[in-house]
């Protein structure tokens, strides 16, 4: 086999090994802290800025999977 071909094969094997699935990283020893209303407000403020502070103050902020959000059928155009 020529040197050029061998170098290409070696490079392809290196790229393939880099793309191989990696074992998951070790989980942190500490569990995530329980959510608190103050922490929720801080998270919302960090994400959206201070504009929503008054809107979410004294309200529970929850994270839910996107698949559990149903469209409001009243806002969809009719199919007639």
Protein backbone atom coordinates (compact mmCIF):
# COMPACT_ATOMS: atom_id res chain seq x y z
CA UNK A 1 0.00 0.00 0.00
CA UNK A 2 1.31 3.43 -0.83
CA UNK A 3 2.16 5.89 1.93
CA UNK A 4 -0.50 8.33 0.74
CA UNK A 5 -3.22 5.68 0.93
CA UNK A 6 -2.04 4.50 4.34
CA UNK A 7 -2.09 8.09 5.64
CA UNK A 8 -5.65 8.56 4.37
CA UNK A 9 -6.81 5.34 6.01
CA UNK A 10 -5.14 6.33 9.27
CA UNK A 11 -6.80 9.77 9.18
CA UNK A 12 -10.19 8.19 8.48
CA UNK A 13 -9.79 5.78 11.40
CA UNK A 14 -8.84 8.65 13.72
CA UNK A 15 -11.92 10.63 12.66
CA UNK A 16 -14.14 7.56 13.08
CA UNK A 17 -12.82 6.93 16.58
CA UNK A 18 -13.46 10.57 17.49
CA UNK A 19 -17.08 10.18 16.34
CA UNK A 20 -17.63 6.97 18.30
CA UNK A 21 -20.06 7.25 21.23
CA UNK A 22 -18.34 8.39 24.38
CA UNK A 23 -19.23 7.02 27.82
CA UNK A 24 -21.42 9.42 29.82
CA UNK A 25 -19.66 11.75 32.19
CA UNK A 26 -19.84 10.88 35.85
CA UNK A 27 -22.88 12.41 37.54
CA UNK A 28 -22.12 15.10 40.09
CA UNK A 29 -22.13 13.93 43.68
CA UNK A 30 -24.58 16.64 44.73
CA UNK A 31 -28.20 16.56 43.65
CA UNK A 32 -29.71 19.68 42.16
CA UNK A 33 -31.22 21.95 44.80
CA UNK A 34 -34.98 21.96 45.15
CA UNK A 35 -36.59 24.83 43.25
CA UNK A 36 -37.71 27.79 45.30
CA UNK A 37 -39.88 30.75 44.32
CA UNK A 38 -36.86 33.05 44.70
CA UNK A 39 -34.77 30.76 42.51
CA UNK A 40 -37.54 30.56 39.92
CA UNK A 41 -37.79 34.34 39.78
CA UNK A 42 -34.02 34.61 39.42
CA UNK A 43 -34.05 32.05 36.59
CA UNK A 44 -36.81 33.89 34.73
CA UNK A 45 -35.05 37.21 35.22
CA UNK A 46 -31.77 35.78 33.98
CA UNK A 47 -33.45 34.35 30.88
CA UNK A 48 -35.86 37.14 29.95
CA UNK A 49 -34.41 40.15 31.73
CA UNK A 50 -36.05 42.28 34.38
CA UNK A 51 -39.09 43.08 32.20
CA UNK A 52 -40.97 40.00 33.45
CA UNK A 53 -40.19 40.43 37.16
CA UNK A 54 -43.55 42.00 37.96
CA UNK A 55 -45.41 39.47 35.84
CA UNK A 56 -44.01 36.38 37.58
CA UNK A 57 -43.64 37.74 41.09
CA UNK A 58 -45.68 35.63 43.56
CA UNK A 59 -46.43 33.03 40.88
CA UNK A 60 -45.10 29.51 40.58
CA UNK A 61 -42.82 28.96 37.58
CA UNK A 62 -42.67 25.36 36.37
CA UNK A 63 -40.68 23.53 33.75
CA UNK A 64 -42.73 21.11 31.67
CA UNK A 65 -41.83 19.02 28.63
CA UNK A 66 -42.73 20.68 25.33
CA UNK A 67 -44.76 17.61 24.36
CA UNK A 68 -47.23 18.36 27.16
CA UNK A 69 -48.11 21.78 25.73
CA UNK A 70 -51.29 21.62 23.66
CA UNK A 71 -52.19 24.31 21.14
CA UNK A 72 -55.14 26.54 21.87
CA UNK A 73 -57.49 25.41 19.10
CA UNK A 74 -59.43 28.65 19.28
CA UNK A 75 -56.42 30.54 17.86
CA UNK A 76 -55.92 28.24 14.86
CA UNK A 77 -57.47 29.17 11.52
CA UNK A 78 -60.58 27.20 10.63
CA UNK A 79 -60.32 24.55 7.97
CA UNK A 80 -63.49 25.55 6.15
